Amino acid sequence: MTLPLTFLAKKVVSALLLPPALPFFITAGGLLLIKRKPRTGKTLAWSGLLLWLLLSSPLGTSLIATPLERYPPITPKALSEVQAIVILAGGQRRTNEEFDGQASVNRLTLERIRYGARLARQTTLPVLLSGGAPTGYQPESMLMAQTLKTDFGLDAQWMETGSLDTEDNARLSAEMLQKAGITRIALVTHAAHMRRAVGEFEAVGFKVTPAPLSFMSDGPRGEEFFDYLPNMSSAYTGWYAMHEWIGIAAQKIRFALK
């Protein structure tokens, strides 16, 4: 599968604007400037270090993740008013030795499937799985369908296999569901991704009831000193939150130009 150049360019630019690349380049640039422009160099170097600290500490990542997670968990009443459940893909693992070397869903996608399956069991609503092949391999919705069937005993009513990003998720899902008269959906994705996802699905005509999962903005609990120190979990939250803020900025620009 040949991926569009615009999609590849977007991924490259995004990688450069995300941690760890962004703090590293800011710090490195500052260190390179110290001899010629000491004040500017020191400012940049310290800014890069402070940005790294912000994006890897529980308190810092909570501050940037909290505004993203604006939607609360779905309620039974809200769920009773929708016509279908849409579960968004979140990536795949291309090789898994424990599954005979076959591709499967990654942990983000698995979390979404698990929660979507729970909602489907509660309601008997039909399920649409949305996810193409942004890495150029097997469409993620096909892997999702296998997991949904094998591990949760449920069948998907629809599989959208052509999307490369959240904008595509919404547009291609609309083409499938609106032909069936479905305009009211429960949208399943991570809480930090939900704000951007709702914007895309509402833009194509859906009435969206958010069904967020895995909230990341808890922040430090303050029980121990170590709760405030940078750690791997917070670094991932910082990366994810920054990814979403960049996506929201790009979305706002795109909507404004339409």
Protein backbone atom coordinates (compact mmCIF):
# COMPACT_ATOMS: atom_id res chain seq x y z
CA MET A 1 0.00 0.00 0.00
CA THR A 2 1.39 3.42 -1.01
CA LEU A 3 0.68 6.07 1.58
CA PRO A 4 -0.06 9.68 0.50
CA LEU A 5 2.89 12.07 0.70
CA THR A 6 0.80 14.54 2.70
CA PHE A 7 0.12 11.85 5.31
CA LEU A 8 3.82 10.95 5.53
CA ALA A 9 4.82 14.62 5.79
CA LYS A 10 2.30 15.13 8.57
CA LYS A 11 3.79 12.22 10.49
CA VAL A 12 7.34 13.54 10.13
CA VAL A 13 6.40 17.05 11.27
CA SER A 14 4.40 15.62 14.17
CA ALA A 15 7.36 13.49 15.31
CA LEU A 16 9.63 16.54 15.37
CA LEU A 17 7.13 18.52 17.47
CA LEU A 18 6.62 15.75 20.02
CA PRO A 19 8.77 14.58 22.91
CA PRO A 20 11.46 13.40 23.13
CA ALA A 21 12.53 15.12 19.88
CA LEU A 22 11.26 18.64 20.70
CA PRO A 23 12.93 19.06 24.13
CA PHE A 24 16.10 17.46 22.78
CA PHE A 25 16.42 19.79 19.80
CA ILE A 26 15.66 22.88 21.89
CA THR A 27 18.30 21.90 24.45
CA ALA A 28 20.84 20.90 21.80
CA GLY A 29 20.30 24.14 19.91
CA GLY A 30 20.87 26.11 23.08
CA LEU A 31 24.11 24.28 23.86
CA LEU A 32 25.39 24.93 20.34
CA LEU A 33 24.70 28.66 20.73
CA ILE A 34 26.27 29.14 24.16
CA LYS A 35 29.71 30.21 22.90
CA ARG A 36 28.43 32.69 20.30
CA LYS A 37 25.32 33.92 22.13
CA PRO A 38 25.57 32.88 25.78
CA ARG A 39 22.29 34.40 26.97
CA THR A 40 20.22 32.98 24.12
CA GLY A 41 21.97 29.63 24.33
CA LYS A 42 21.42 29.26 28.07
CA THR A 43 17.78 30.31 27.74
CA LEU A 44 17.15 27.69 25.07
CA ALA A 45 19.03 24.97 26.92
CA TRP A 46 17.14 25.56 30.16
CA SER A 47 13.84 25.86 28.26
CA GLY A 48 14.41 22.45 26.70
CA LEU A 49 15.15 20.89 30.07
CA LEU A 50 12.11 22.51 31.68
CA LEU A 51 9.93 21.34 28.80
CA TRP A 52 11.24 17.81 29.24
CA LEU A 53 10.40 18.03 32.95
CA LEU A 54 6.91 19.33 32.20
CA LEU A 55 6.24 16.53 29.73
CA SER A 56 7.51 13.71 31.93
CA SER A 57 6.34 14.59 35.45
CA PRO A 58 2.91 13.69 36.88
CA LEU A 59 1.98 17.27 37.79
CA GLY A 60 3.04 18.72 34.44
CA THR A 61 1.34 16.10 32.30
CA SER A 62 -1.83 16.38 34.36
CA LEU A 63 -1.97 20.10 33.57
CA ILE A 64 -1.83 19.54 29.81
CA ALA A 65 -3.97 16.39 29.73
CA THR A 66 -6.88 17.61 31.87
CA PRO A 67 -8.32 20.11 29.31
CA LEU A 68 -8.35 17.32 26.71
CA GLU A 69 -10.43 14.99 28.85
CA ARG A 70 -13.54 17.13 28.98
CA TYR A 71 -16.09 14.33 28.51
CA PRO A 72 -17.16 12.17 31.49
CA PRO A 73 -17.86 8.43 31.25
CA ILE A 74 -21.01 7.54 29.33
CA THR A 75 -24.19 6.97 31.33
CA PRO A 76 -26.78 4.21 30.77
CA LYS A 77 -29.38 6.84 29.84
CA ALA A 78 -27.12 8.43 27.21
CA LEU A 79 -26.21 5.00 25.86
CA SER A 80 -29.89 4.11 25.46
CA GLU A 81 -30.37 6.99 23.02
CA VAL A 82 -27.81 5.94 20.39
CA GLN A 83 -28.22 3.65 17.37
CA ALA A 84 -24.76 2.14 17.07
CA ILE A 85 -21.35 1.91 18.73
CA VAL A 86 -18.28 3.11 16.83
CA ILE A 87 -14.88 1.91 18.07
CA LEU A 88 -11.80 3.68 16.73
CA ALA A 89 -8.52 1.89 16.09
CA GLY A 90 -5.41 2.98 17.94
CA GLY A 91 -2.65 1.02 16.24
CA GLN A 92 -1.37 -2.51 15.78
CA ARG A 93 1.59 -4.74 16.54
CA ARG A 94 2.87 -6.21 13.28
CA THR A 95 4.52 -9.30 14.78
CA ASN A 96 3.56 -11.17 17.93
CA GLU A 97 5.56 -14.29 18.77
CA GLU A 98 2.92 -15.40 21.25
CA PHE A 99 0.37 -15.40 18.41
CA ASP A 100 2.50 -17.38 15.94
CA GLY A 101 4.15 -14.23 14.67
CA GLN A 102 0.88 -12.77 13.39
CA ALA A 103 -0.16 -9.13 13.53
CA SER A 104 -2.63 -8.12 16.23
CA VAL A 105 -4.03 -5.01 17.88
CA ASN A 106 -1.80 -2.97 20.17
CA ARG A 107 -2.70 -2.15 23.75
CA LEU A 108 -4.50 1.10 22.91
CA THR A 109 -6.77 -0.63 20.41
CA LEU A 110 -7.32 -3.54 22.78
CA GLU A 111 -8.45 -1.18 25.54
CA ARG A 112 -10.95 0.38 23.15
CA ILE A 113 -12.26 -2.98 21.98
CA ARG A 114 -12.65 -4.20 25.55
CA TYR A 115 -14.72 -1.19 26.56
CA GLY A 116 -16.70 -1.18 23.31
CA ALA A 117 -17.50 -4.86 23.80
CA ARG A 118 -18.75 -4.11 27.30
CA LEU A 119 -21.10 -1.44 25.97
CA ALA A 120 -22.27 -3.72 23.16
CA ARG A 121 -23.14 -6.47 25.65
CA GLN A 122 -25.07 -4.01 27.79
CA THR A 123 -27.15 -2.75 24.89
CA THR A 124 -27.04 -5.31 22.01
CA LEU A 125 -26.30 -2.32 19.73
CA PRO A 126 -24.50 -2.99 16.42
CA VAL A 127 -20.78 -2.19 16.30
CA LEU A 128 -18.70 -0.44 13.65
CA LEU A 129 -14.92 -0.87 13.79
CA SER A 130 -12.99 1.95 12.15
CA GLY A 131 -9.32 1.66 11.23
CA GLY A 132 -7.33 1.39 8.02
CA ALA A 133 -3.65 0.68 7.46
CA PRO A 134 -1.70 3.88 8.26
CA THR A 135 1.48 1.82 8.63
CA GLY A 136 0.93 0.20 5.23
CA TYR A 137 0.09 -3.27 6.52
CA GLN A 138 -3.18 -5.01 7.36
CA PRO A 139 -6.18 -2.75 8.08
CA GLU A 140 -6.55 -2.34 11.82
CA SER A 141 -10.32 -2.86 11.76
CA MET A 142 -9.77 -6.40 10.44
CA LEU A 143 -7.48 -7.16 13.37
CA MET A 144 -10.02 -5.56 15.69
CA ALA A 145 -12.76 -7.80 14.31
CA GLN A 146 -10.64 -10.88 14.98
CA THR A 147 -10.02 -9.81 18.56
CA LEU A 148 -13.64 -8.84 19.13
CA LYS A 149 -14.78 -12.27 17.93
CA THR A 150 -12.06 -14.47 19.44
CA ASP A 151 -11.62 -12.78 22.81
CA PHE A 152 -15.06 -11.27 23.44
CA GLY A 153 -17.41 -13.46 21.41
CA LEU A 154 -18.95 -10.58 19.47
CA ASP A 155 -19.28 -9.84 15.77
CA ALA A 156 -18.90 -6.42 14.21
CA GLN A 157 -21.73 -5.26 11.98
CA TRP A 158 -19.45 -3.02 9.91
CA MET A 159 -15.70 -2.70 9.28
CA GLU A 160 -14.27 0.53 7.89
CA THR A 161 -10.87 -0.39 6.44
CA GLY A 162 -9.71 2.70 4.52
CA SER A 163 -8.97 5.37 7.13
CA LEU A 164 -5.50 6.73 7.85
CA ASP A 165 -6.39 9.21 10.60
CA THR A 166 -9.29 10.49 12.71
CA GLU A 167 -10.63 12.67 9.92
CA ASP A 168 -10.86 9.58 7.70
CA ASN A 169 -12.42 7.58 10.55
CA ALA A 170 -15.32 10.02 10.64
CA ARG A 171 -15.76 10.55 6.90
CA LEU A 172 -15.65 6.86 5.93
CA SER A 173 -17.76 5.76 8.89
CA ALA A 174 -20.39 8.30 7.85
CA GLU A 175 -20.49 6.84 4.35
CA MET A 176 -21.30 3.44 5.81
CA LEU A 177 -23.61 4.28 8.70
CA GLN A 178 -25.66 7.11 7.25
CA LYS A 179 -26.70 4.87 4.35
CA ALA A 180 -28.22 2.63 7.02
CA GLY A 181 -30.04 5.59 8.59
CA ILE A 182 -27.73 5.75 11.60
CA THR A 183 -26.85 9.26 12.78
CA ARG A 184 -26.70 8.85 16.59
CA ILE A 185 -23.60 7.01 17.76
CA ALA A 186 -21.67 6.18 20.90
CA LEU A 187 -18.03 6.91 20.08
CA VAL A 188 -15.41 4.79 21.83
CA THR A 189 -11.86 6.08 22.11
CA HIS A 190 -9.41 7.22 24.77
CA ALA A 191 -10.47 10.20 26.86
CA ALA A 192 -7.57 12.35 25.66
CA HIS A 193 -8.42 11.62 22.00
CA MET A 194 -12.17 12.15 22.41
CA ARG A 195 -12.19 15.94 22.06
CA ARG A 196 -10.65 15.80 18.59
CA ALA A 197 -12.63 12.72 17.57
CA VAL A 198 -15.97 14.29 18.52
CA GLY A 199 -15.14 17.33 16.39
CA GLU A 200 -14.49 15.16 13.33
CA PHE A 201 -17.61 13.00 13.71
CA GLU A 202 -19.89 15.96 14.37
CA ALA A 203 -18.47 17.70 11.28
CA VAL A 204 -19.76 14.88 9.06
CA GLY A 205 -23.27 14.95 10.52
CA PHE A 206 -23.29 12.55 13.46
CA LYS A 207 -24.91 13.24 16.81
CA VAL A 208 -22.11 11.96 19.03
CA THR A 209 -22.41 10.55 22.53
CA PRO A 210 -18.82 10.25 23.82
CA ALA A 211 -17.83 6.99 25.50
CA PRO A 212 -14.29 7.81 26.71
CA LEU A 213 -11.96 5.42 28.48
CA SER A 214 -8.56 5.34 30.22
CA PHE A 215 -8.40 8.84 31.68
CA MET A 216 -4.78 10.02 32.00
CA SER A 217 -5.17 13.30 33.91
CA ASP A 218 -5.18 12.00 37.49
CA GLY A 219 -1.94 13.77 38.36
CA PRO A 220 0.23 12.91 41.38
CA ARG A 221 -1.61 11.48 44.36
CA GLY A 222 0.79 13.07 46.84
CA GLU A 223 1.12 9.93 48.94
CA GLU A 224 4.88 9.70 48.47
CA PHE A 225 7.68 11.95 47.28
CA PHE A 226 8.22 9.62 44.31
CA ASP A 227 4.71 10.40 43.06
CA TYR A 228 6.01 13.78 41.89
CA LEU A 229 9.12 12.58 40.07
CA PRO A 230 9.36 12.10 36.27
CA ASN A 231 8.51 8.56 35.23
CA MET A 232 7.75 6.46 32.15
CA SER A 233 3.99 6.57 32.64
CA SER A 234 3.94 10.36 32.84
CA ALA A 235 6.30 10.64 29.86
CA TYR A 236 3.83 8.63 27.79
CA THR A 237 0.94 10.82 29.00
CA GLY A 238 2.95 13.90 28.00
CA TRP A 239 3.61 12.49 24.54
CA TYR A 240 -0.05 11.53 24.04
CA ALA A 241 -1.36 14.88 25.26
CA MET A 242 1.04 16.83 23.04
CA HIS A 243 0.02 14.66 20.08
CA GLU A 244 -3.61 15.56 20.69
CA TRP A 245 -2.94 19.30 21.11
CA ILE A 246 -1.07 19.33 17.80
CA GLY A 247 -3.96 17.45 16.20
CA ILE A 248 -6.51 19.89 17.62
CA ALA A 249 -4.51 22.86 16.31
CA ALA A 250 -4.36 21.30 12.84
CA GLN A 251 -8.08 20.51 13.03
CA LYS A 252 -8.98 24.11 13.90
CA ILE A 253 -6.94 25.40 10.97
CA ARG A 254 -8.56 22.90 8.58
CA PHE A 255 -12.09 23.74 9.78
CA ALA A 256 -11.37 27.47 9.44
CA LEU A 257 -10.22 27.04 5.84
CA LYS A 258 -13.32 25.14 4.76
